[in-house]
Amino acid sequence: MCGEYHTASAFAMWTATKLIEKQKFPKVLAISDKAPSQIKHVLIINQYLGINYSFTLLSQC
């Protein structure tokens, strides 16, 4: 959605918090026709050149 930028992880974190907060899953993020009934966890995986990876798990409180 935003490409490879230094702020891509921040954009993903903002998007994930909105998914959890609003409990709405936009079609632009879907990879299939199935939408989750409830969003409790979002896993953000960021990689660069297939070498450097970071994983961030956000959970609903």
N, C-alpha and C. Protein backbone atom coordinates (compact mmCIF):
# COMPACT_ATOMS: atom_id res chain seq x y z
N MET A 1 0.82 -1.21 0.00
CA MET A 1 0.00 0.00 0.00
C MET A 1 0.85 1.26 0.00
N CYS A 2 2.05 1.20 0.57
CA CYS A 2 2.84 2.43 0.63
C CYS A 2 4.23 2.26 0.02
N GLY A 3 4.61 1.07 -0.37
CA GLY A 3 5.92 0.85 -0.97
C GLY A 3 7.01 0.69 0.08
N GLU A 4 8.25 0.69 -0.37
CA GLU A 4 9.39 0.54 0.53
C GLU A 4 9.93 1.91 0.91
N TYR A 5 9.64 2.29 2.12
CA TYR A 5 10.11 3.56 2.67
C TYR A 5 10.55 3.32 4.10
N HIS A 6 11.28 4.27 4.65
CA HIS A 6 11.71 4.16 6.05
C HIS A 6 10.53 4.20 7.01
N THR A 7 9.42 4.75 6.54
CA THR A 7 8.24 4.87 7.40
C THR A 7 7.20 3.78 7.15
N ALA A 8 7.54 2.75 6.37
CA ALA A 8 6.58 1.69 6.04
C ALA A 8 6.08 0.97 7.29
N SER A 9 6.98 0.71 8.25
CA SER A 9 6.56 0.03 9.48
C SER A 9 5.60 0.89 10.29
N ALA A 10 5.84 2.18 10.32
CA ALA A 10 4.94 3.09 11.04
C ALA A 10 3.57 3.12 10.37
N PHE A 11 3.55 3.13 9.05
CA PHE A 11 2.27 3.10 8.33
C PHE A 11 1.53 1.80 8.61
N ALA A 12 2.24 0.69 8.63
CA ALA A 12 1.63 -0.61 8.93
C ALA A 12 1.08 -0.62 10.35
N MET A 13 1.81 -0.05 11.30
CA MET A 13 1.34 -0.01 12.68
C MET A 13 0.09 0.84 12.80
N TRP A 14 0.06 1.98 12.14
CA TRP A 14 -1.13 2.83 12.15
C TRP A 14 -2.31 2.08 11.54
N THR A 15 -2.10 1.44 10.39
CA THR A 15 -3.17 0.68 9.73
C THR A 15 -3.69 -0.43 10.64
N ALA A 16 -2.78 -1.14 11.29
CA ALA A 16 -3.18 -2.24 12.17
C ALA A 16 -3.99 -1.73 13.36
N THR A 17 -3.59 -0.61 13.93
CA THR A 17 -4.36 -0.08 15.07
C THR A 17 -5.76 0.33 14.64
N LYS A 18 -5.89 0.86 13.43
CA LYS A 18 -7.22 1.23 12.92
C LYS A 18 -8.07 -0.01 12.64
N LEU A 19 -7.45 -1.07 12.14
CA LEU A 19 -8.19 -2.32 11.92
C LEU A 19 -8.77 -2.84 13.22
N ILE A 20 -7.94 -2.86 14.26
CA ILE A 20 -8.38 -3.37 15.56
C ILE A 20 -9.42 -2.43 16.18
N GLU A 21 -9.19 -1.14 16.09
CA GLU A 21 -10.09 -0.16 16.69
C GLU A 21 -11.46 -0.15 16.02
N LYS A 22 -11.49 -0.08 14.70
CA LYS A 22 -12.75 0.07 13.96
C LYS A 22 -13.42 -1.27 13.64
N GLN A 23 -12.68 -2.37 13.73
CA GLN A 23 -13.21 -3.70 13.42
C GLN A 23 -13.79 -3.77 12.01
N LYS A 24 -13.14 -3.07 11.08
CA LYS A 24 -13.52 -3.11 9.67
C LYS A 24 -12.30 -3.49 8.86
N PHE A 25 -12.50 -4.38 7.90
CA PHE A 25 -11.41 -4.87 7.07
C PHE A 25 -11.62 -4.39 5.64
N PRO A 26 -10.88 -3.38 5.19
CA PRO A 26 -11.09 -2.84 3.85
C PRO A 26 -10.72 -3.84 2.75
N LYS A 27 -11.44 -3.79 1.66
CA LYS A 27 -11.20 -4.72 0.54
C LYS A 27 -9.80 -4.57 -0.04
N VAL A 28 -9.23 -3.38 0.04
CA VAL A 28 -7.90 -3.15 -0.52
C VAL A 28 -6.82 -4.00 0.18
N LEU A 29 -7.09 -4.43 1.40
CA LEU A 29 -6.15 -5.27 2.14
C LEU A 29 -6.40 -6.75 1.97
N ALA A 30 -7.53 -7.11 1.40
CA ALA A 30 -7.93 -8.52 1.31
C ALA A 30 -7.15 -9.26 0.24
N ILE A 31 -6.80 -10.51 0.56
CA ILE A 31 -6.18 -11.38 -0.43
C ILE A 31 -7.14 -12.48 -0.86
N SER A 32 -8.31 -12.51 -0.22
CA SER A 32 -9.37 -13.44 -0.62
C SER A 32 -10.72 -12.78 -0.35
N ASP A 33 -11.79 -13.49 -0.66
CA ASP A 33 -13.12 -12.93 -0.44
C ASP A 33 -13.58 -13.07 1.01
N LYS A 34 -12.84 -13.80 1.82
CA LYS A 34 -13.21 -14.01 3.21
C LYS A 34 -12.68 -12.87 4.08
N ALA A 35 -13.57 -12.25 4.81
CA ALA A 35 -13.19 -11.20 5.74
C ALA A 35 -13.28 -11.75 7.16
N PRO A 36 -12.37 -11.35 8.03
CA PRO A 36 -12.44 -11.84 9.41
C PRO A 36 -13.68 -11.31 10.12
N SER A 37 -14.26 -12.12 10.97
CA SER A 37 -15.45 -11.68 11.71
C SER A 37 -15.07 -10.76 12.85
N GLN A 38 -13.88 -10.96 13.40
CA GLN A 38 -13.39 -10.12 14.48
C GLN A 38 -11.88 -10.01 14.36
N ILE A 39 -11.34 -8.83 14.60
CA ILE A 39 -9.89 -8.61 14.48
C ILE A 39 -9.34 -8.40 15.88
N LYS A 40 -8.60 -9.38 16.39
CA LYS A 40 -7.99 -9.30 17.72
C LYS A 40 -6.48 -9.14 17.66
N HIS A 41 -5.87 -9.70 16.62
CA HIS A 41 -4.42 -9.67 16.48
C HIS A 41 -4.04 -9.31 15.05
N VAL A 42 -2.98 -8.52 14.92
CA VAL A 42 -2.44 -8.20 13.60
C VAL A 42 -0.92 -8.40 13.68
N LEU A 43 -0.40 -9.21 12.78
CA LEU A 43 1.03 -9.45 12.70
C LEU A 43 1.59 -8.66 11.52
N ILE A 44 2.54 -7.79 11.82
CA ILE A 44 3.20 -6.99 10.80
C ILE A 44 4.57 -7.62 10.55
N ILE A 45 4.82 -7.96 9.29
CA ILE A 45 6.11 -8.51 8.90
C ILE A 45 6.73 -7.54 7.90
N ASN A 46 7.90 -7.05 8.24
CA ASN A 46 8.61 -6.14 7.36
C ASN A 46 9.93 -6.79 6.98
N GLN A 47 10.28 -6.73 5.69
CA GLN A 47 11.55 -7.31 5.26
C GLN A 47 12.20 -6.40 4.25
N TYR A 48 13.52 -6.49 4.20
CA TYR A 48 14.27 -5.70 3.23
C TYR A 48 15.30 -6.61 2.57
N LEU A 49 15.19 -6.74 1.27
CA LEU A 49 16.10 -7.55 0.47
C LEU A 49 16.14 -9.02 0.88
N GLY A 50 15.13 -9.49 1.57
CA GLY A 50 15.09 -10.88 1.99
C GLY A 50 16.13 -11.22 3.04
N ILE A 51 16.75 -10.21 3.64
CA ILE A 51 17.81 -10.43 4.62
C ILE A 51 17.38 -9.97 6.01
N ASN A 52 16.91 -8.74 6.09
CA ASN A 52 16.53 -8.14 7.37
C ASN A 52 15.02 -8.23 7.55
N TYR A 53 14.60 -8.86 8.63
CA TYR A 53 13.19 -9.04 8.93
C TYR A 53 12.86 -8.46 10.29
N SER A 54 11.67 -7.91 10.41
CA SER A 54 11.15 -7.52 11.72
C SER A 54 9.70 -7.99 11.81
N PHE A 55 9.31 -8.40 13.00
CA PHE A 55 7.96 -8.89 13.27
C PHE A 55 7.38 -8.08 14.44
N THR A 56 6.19 -7.56 14.24
CA THR A 56 5.50 -6.81 15.29
C THR A 56 4.09 -7.37 15.40
N LEU A 57 3.73 -7.79 16.61
CA LEU A 57 2.39 -8.34 16.86
C LEU A 57 1.61 -7.34 17.69
N LEU A 58 0.48 -6.90 17.16
CA LEU A 58 -0.43 -6.02 17.90
C LEU A 58 -1.63 -6.84 18.32
N SER A 59 -2.07 -6.64 19.56
CA SER A 59 -3.21 -7.37 20.09
C SER A 59 -4.20 -6.42 20.73
N GLN A 60 -5.45 -6.78 20.62
CA GLN A 60 -6.52 -6.00 21.25
C GLN A 60 -6.47 -6.22 22.75
N CYS A 61 -6.64 -5.16 23.52
CA CYS A 61 -6.65 -5.28 24.99
C CYS A 61 -8.03 -5.55 25.51
